[in-house]
């Protein structure tokens, strides 16, 4: 059975969605790396003598801001991942 233009279109859509999923997982890995770096900073700061300038408080504020930004990214990623099974079904079975 020869591939049709419709099959090619469906395959292209599946590949695009797969690429989106791969990008999403890469974003999750970046998020985990950022969280790891922040936790390392917390542990280092907690193990040191308290600084006179309040560097720990500043570091915690920076981390809170970064976590807020990551939360927005994760919410968008969650929405995209939740929609993925339906999108794949649409690509595989037109009208699904």
N, C-alpha and C. Protein backbone atom coordinates (compact mmCIF):
# COMPACT_ATOMS: atom_id res chain seq x y z
N UNK A 1 0.85 -1.17 0.00
CA UNK A 1 0.00 0.00 0.00
C UNK A 1 0.90 1.24 0.00
N UNK A 2 0.68 2.10 -0.95
CA UNK A 2 1.50 3.31 -1.10
C UNK A 2 1.03 4.39 -0.14
N UNK A 3 1.98 5.15 0.34
CA UNK A 3 1.66 6.27 1.24
C UNK A 3 1.01 7.38 0.43
N UNK A 4 0.00 7.99 1.02
CA UNK A 4 -0.70 9.09 0.36
C UNK A 4 -0.26 10.40 0.98
N UNK A 5 -0.69 11.48 0.35
CA UNK A 5 -0.39 12.81 0.90
C UNK A 5 -1.01 12.96 2.28
N UNK A 6 -2.19 12.35 2.46
CA UNK A 6 -2.85 12.41 3.77
C UNK A 6 -2.01 11.69 4.83
N UNK A 7 -1.45 10.54 4.45
CA UNK A 7 -0.57 9.82 5.38
C UNK A 7 0.65 10.66 5.72
N UNK A 8 1.20 11.31 4.70
CA UNK A 8 2.37 12.17 4.93
C UNK A 8 2.03 13.31 5.88
N UNK A 9 0.84 13.89 5.71
CA UNK A 9 0.41 14.98 6.60
C UNK A 9 0.25 14.48 8.03
N UNK A 10 -0.36 13.31 8.18
CA UNK A 10 -0.54 12.75 9.52
C UNK A 10 0.81 12.46 10.17
N UNK A 11 1.72 11.90 9.40
CA UNK A 11 3.05 11.62 9.93
C UNK A 11 3.77 12.90 10.34
N UNK A 12 3.63 13.93 9.52
CA UNK A 12 4.24 15.23 9.85
C UNK A 12 3.67 15.77 11.15
N UNK A 13 2.35 15.68 11.33
CA UNK A 13 1.72 16.17 12.56
C UNK A 13 2.21 15.38 13.77
N UNK A 14 2.34 14.07 13.61
CA UNK A 14 2.83 13.23 14.71
C UNK A 14 4.26 13.61 15.06
N UNK A 15 5.09 13.81 14.05
CA UNK A 15 6.47 14.19 14.29
C UNK A 15 6.56 15.55 14.98
N UNK A 16 5.70 16.49 14.58
CA UNK A 16 5.69 17.81 15.21
C UNK A 16 5.30 17.70 16.67
N UNK A 17 4.32 16.87 16.96
CA UNK A 17 3.89 16.69 18.35
C UNK A 17 4.97 15.98 19.17
N UNK A 18 5.63 15.03 18.54
CA UNK A 18 6.73 14.36 19.22
C UNK A 18 7.85 15.35 19.53
N UNK A 19 8.16 16.22 18.58
CA UNK A 19 9.18 17.24 18.82
C UNK A 19 8.76 18.16 19.97
N UNK A 20 7.47 18.51 20.02
CA UNK A 20 6.98 19.37 21.11
C UNK A 20 7.14 18.66 22.45
N UNK A 21 6.86 17.38 22.47
CA UNK A 21 7.02 16.60 23.71
C UNK A 21 8.48 16.56 24.13
N UNK A 22 9.37 16.35 23.17
CA UNK A 22 10.80 16.32 23.48
C UNK A 22 11.25 17.67 24.03
N UNK A 23 10.77 18.76 23.43
CA UNK A 23 11.12 20.09 23.94
C UNK A 23 10.59 20.27 25.36
N UNK A 24 9.38 19.75 25.61
CA UNK A 24 8.81 19.85 26.95
C UNK A 24 9.63 19.11 27.98
N UNK A 25 10.09 17.93 27.63
CA UNK A 25 10.93 17.16 28.55
C UNK A 25 12.26 17.89 28.78
N UNK A 26 12.79 18.49 27.72
CA UNK A 26 14.04 19.26 27.88
C UNK A 26 13.82 20.43 28.83
N UNK A 27 12.65 21.09 28.73
CA UNK A 27 12.34 22.19 29.65
C UNK A 27 12.24 21.67 31.08
N UNK A 28 11.67 20.49 31.25
CA UNK A 28 11.58 19.91 32.59
C UNK A 28 12.98 19.65 33.14
N UNK A 29 13.88 19.16 32.29
CA UNK A 29 15.25 18.92 32.73
C UNK A 29 15.93 20.22 33.13
N UNK A 30 15.69 21.29 32.37
CA UNK A 30 16.25 22.59 32.72
C UNK A 30 15.71 23.05 34.07
N UNK A 31 14.42 22.82 34.28
CA UNK A 31 13.80 23.20 35.55
C UNK A 31 14.44 22.44 36.71
N UNK A 32 14.63 21.14 36.52
CA UNK A 32 15.26 20.34 37.57
C UNK A 32 16.68 20.82 37.84
N UNK A 33 17.41 21.17 36.80
CA UNK A 33 18.78 21.66 36.98
C UNK A 33 18.76 22.98 37.75
N UNK A 34 17.82 23.85 37.42
CA UNK A 34 17.71 25.13 38.14
C UNK A 34 17.38 24.90 39.60
N UNK A 35 16.46 23.98 39.87
CA UNK A 35 16.10 23.68 41.26
C UNK A 35 17.28 23.08 42.02
N UNK A 36 18.03 22.22 41.35
CA UNK A 36 19.21 21.62 41.98
C UNK A 36 20.21 22.70 42.36
N UNK A 37 20.46 23.63 41.44
CA UNK A 37 21.40 24.72 41.72
C UNK A 37 20.92 25.57 42.89
N UNK A 38 19.62 25.84 42.94
CA UNK A 38 19.08 26.65 44.03
C UNK A 38 19.21 25.91 45.36
N UNK A 39 18.92 24.62 45.36
CA UNK A 39 19.04 23.85 46.59
C UNK A 39 20.49 23.78 47.06
N UNK A 40 21.42 23.67 46.13
CA UNK A 40 22.83 23.68 46.50
C UNK A 40 23.20 25.00 47.16
N UNK A 41 22.68 26.10 46.62
CA UNK A 41 22.96 27.41 47.23
C UNK A 41 22.39 27.48 48.65
N UNK A 42 21.21 26.94 48.84
CA UNK A 42 20.60 26.95 50.18
C UNK A 42 21.47 26.14 51.15
N UNK A 43 21.88 24.95 50.72
CA UNK A 43 22.70 24.11 51.60
C UNK A 43 24.02 24.77 51.93
N UNK A 44 24.66 25.38 50.95
CA UNK A 44 25.93 26.07 51.21
C UNK A 44 25.72 27.24 52.16
N UNK A 45 24.67 28.01 51.93
CA UNK A 45 24.40 29.16 52.79
C UNK A 45 24.06 28.72 54.21
N UNK A 46 23.33 27.63 54.33
CA UNK A 46 22.95 27.15 55.66
C UNK A 46 24.16 26.62 56.44
N UNK A 47 25.17 26.14 55.74
CA UNK A 47 26.34 25.57 56.40
C UNK A 47 27.36 26.64 56.81
N UNK A 48 27.22 27.85 56.31
CA UNK A 48 28.19 28.92 56.60
C UNK A 48 27.73 29.77 57.77
N UNK A 49 28.67 30.55 58.27
CA UNK A 49 28.34 31.54 59.29
C UNK A 49 27.39 32.56 58.67
N UNK A 50 26.45 33.08 59.45
CA UNK A 50 25.52 34.07 58.90
C UNK A 50 26.28 35.31 58.42
N UNK A 51 26.04 35.73 57.20
CA UNK A 51 26.73 36.92 56.68
C UNK A 51 26.15 38.19 57.29
N UNK A 52 26.98 39.20 57.35
CA UNK A 52 26.53 40.47 57.91
C UNK A 52 25.57 41.18 56.98
N UNK A 53 25.71 40.97 55.67
CA UNK A 53 24.89 41.69 54.70
C UNK A 53 23.57 41.04 54.36
N UNK A 54 23.26 39.88 54.93
CA UNK A 54 21.99 39.23 54.64
C UNK A 54 21.93 38.57 53.27
N UNK A 55 23.03 37.97 52.83
CA UNK A 55 23.07 37.34 51.52
C UNK A 55 22.08 36.18 51.40
N UNK A 56 21.83 35.48 52.49
CA UNK A 56 20.89 34.36 52.44
C UNK A 56 19.50 34.86 52.09
N UNK A 57 19.08 35.95 52.70
CA UNK A 57 17.75 36.49 52.40
C UNK A 57 17.65 36.88 50.93
N UNK A 58 18.70 37.49 50.41
CA UNK A 58 18.70 37.86 48.99
C UNK A 58 18.66 36.62 48.10
N UNK A 59 19.41 35.62 48.47
CA UNK A 59 19.42 34.37 47.70
C UNK A 59 18.05 33.72 47.72
N UNK A 60 17.39 33.73 48.86
CA UNK A 60 16.05 33.15 48.96
C UNK A 60 15.05 33.93 48.12
N UNK A 61 15.18 35.26 48.09
CA UNK A 61 14.29 36.07 47.24
C UNK A 61 14.52 35.73 45.77
N UNK A 62 15.78 35.63 45.38
CA UNK A 62 16.10 35.27 43.99
C UNK A 62 15.51 33.91 43.63
N UNK A 63 15.64 32.97 44.55
CA UNK A 63 15.10 31.63 44.30
C UNK A 63 13.58 31.65 44.22
N UNK A 64 12.95 32.43 45.09
CA UNK A 64 11.49 32.52 45.05
C UNK A 64 11.03 33.10 43.71
N UNK A 65 11.73 34.11 43.23
CA UNK A 65 11.38 34.69 41.92
C UNK A 65 11.59 33.67 40.81
N UNK A 66 12.69 32.94 40.87
CA UNK A 66 12.96 31.92 39.84
C UNK A 66 11.91 30.81 39.88
N UNK A 67 11.52 30.42 41.08
CA UNK A 67 10.50 29.38 41.21
C UNK A 67 9.15 29.85 40.67
N UNK A 68 8.83 31.10 40.89
CA UNK A 68 7.58 31.64 40.34
C UNK A 68 7.59 31.59 38.82
N UNK A 69 8.72 31.96 38.24
CA UNK A 69 8.83 31.91 36.78
C UNK A 69 8.75 30.47 36.29
N UNK A 70 9.40 29.55 36.99
CA UNK A 70 9.36 28.14 36.60
C UNK A 70 7.95 27.57 36.74
N UNK A 71 7.22 28.04 37.73
CA UNK A 71 5.85 27.56 37.93
C UNK A 71 4.99 27.88 36.71
N UNK A 72 5.16 29.06 36.15
CA UNK A 72 4.41 29.43 34.96
C UNK A 72 4.79 28.54 33.78
N UNK A 73 6.08 28.28 33.63
CA UNK A 73 6.54 27.40 32.55
C UNK A 73 5.97 26.00 32.73
N UNK A 74 5.99 25.49 33.94
CA UNK A 74 5.48 24.15 34.21
C UNK A 74 3.97 24.06 33.95
N UNK A 75 3.24 25.12 34.27
CA UNK A 75 1.80 25.12 34.01
C UNK A 75 1.53 25.03 32.51
N UNK A 76 2.30 25.78 31.71
CA UNK A 76 2.13 25.71 30.25
C UNK A 76 2.50 24.32 29.75
N UNK A 77 3.57 23.77 30.27
CA UNK A 77 4.00 22.44 29.86
C UNK A 77 2.95 21.39 30.23
N UNK A 78 2.39 21.51 31.42
CA UNK A 78 1.37 20.56 31.86
C UNK A 78 0.17 20.59 30.92
N UNK A 79 -0.25 21.78 30.52
CA UNK A 79 -1.38 21.90 29.60
C UNK A 79 -1.06 21.25 28.26
N UNK A 80 0.16 21.47 27.77
CA UNK A 80 0.55 20.88 26.49
C UNK A 80 0.61 19.36 26.59
N UNK A 81 1.16 18.85 27.68
CA UNK A 81 1.25 17.40 27.85
C UNK A 81 -0.12 16.76 28.03
N UNK A 82 -1.02 17.44 28.72
CA UNK A 82 -2.37 16.91 28.92
C UNK A 82 -3.11 16.80 27.60
N UNK A 83 -2.85 17.72 26.68
CA UNK A 83 -3.53 17.72 25.38
C UNK A 83 -2.89 16.75 24.39
N UNK A 84 -1.70 16.29 24.68
CA UNK A 84 -0.94 15.48 23.73
C UNK A 84 -1.64 14.19 23.31
N UNK A 85 -2.19 13.38 24.23
CA UNK A 85 -2.84 12.14 23.78
C UNK A 85 -3.96 12.39 22.78
N UNK A 86 -4.76 13.40 23.03
CA UNK A 86 -5.84 13.73 22.10
C UNK A 86 -5.31 14.18 20.75
N UNK A 87 -4.24 14.96 20.77
CA UNK A 87 -3.64 15.43 19.52
C UNK A 87 -3.06 14.26 18.72
N UNK A 88 -2.44 13.32 19.42
CA UNK A 88 -1.90 12.15 18.73
C UNK A 88 -3.05 11.32 18.14
N UNK A 89 -4.12 11.16 18.92
CA UNK A 89 -5.28 10.41 18.40
C UNK A 89 -5.85 11.09 17.16
N UNK A 90 -5.94 12.41 17.18
CA UNK A 90 -6.43 13.15 16.01
C UNK A 90 -5.55 12.91 14.80
N UNK A 91 -4.24 12.88 15.04
CA UNK A 91 -3.31 12.69 13.93
C UNK A 91 -3.42 11.27 13.37
N UNK A 92 -3.65 10.30 14.25
CA UNK A 92 -3.72 8.91 13.80
C UNK A 92 -5.08 8.55 13.22
N UNK A 93 -6.13 9.09 13.81
CA UNK A 93 -7.49 8.77 13.36
C UNK A 93 -8.22 10.08 13.08
N UNK A 94 -8.28 10.48 11.83
CA UNK A 94 -8.97 11.74 11.51
C UNK A 94 -10.40 11.72 12.03
N UNK A 95 -10.80 12.82 12.63
CA UNK A 95 -12.15 12.94 13.17
C UNK A 95 -12.31 12.38 14.56
N UNK A 96 -11.22 11.94 15.18
CA UNK A 96 -11.31 11.36 16.53
C UNK A 96 -11.45 12.44 17.56
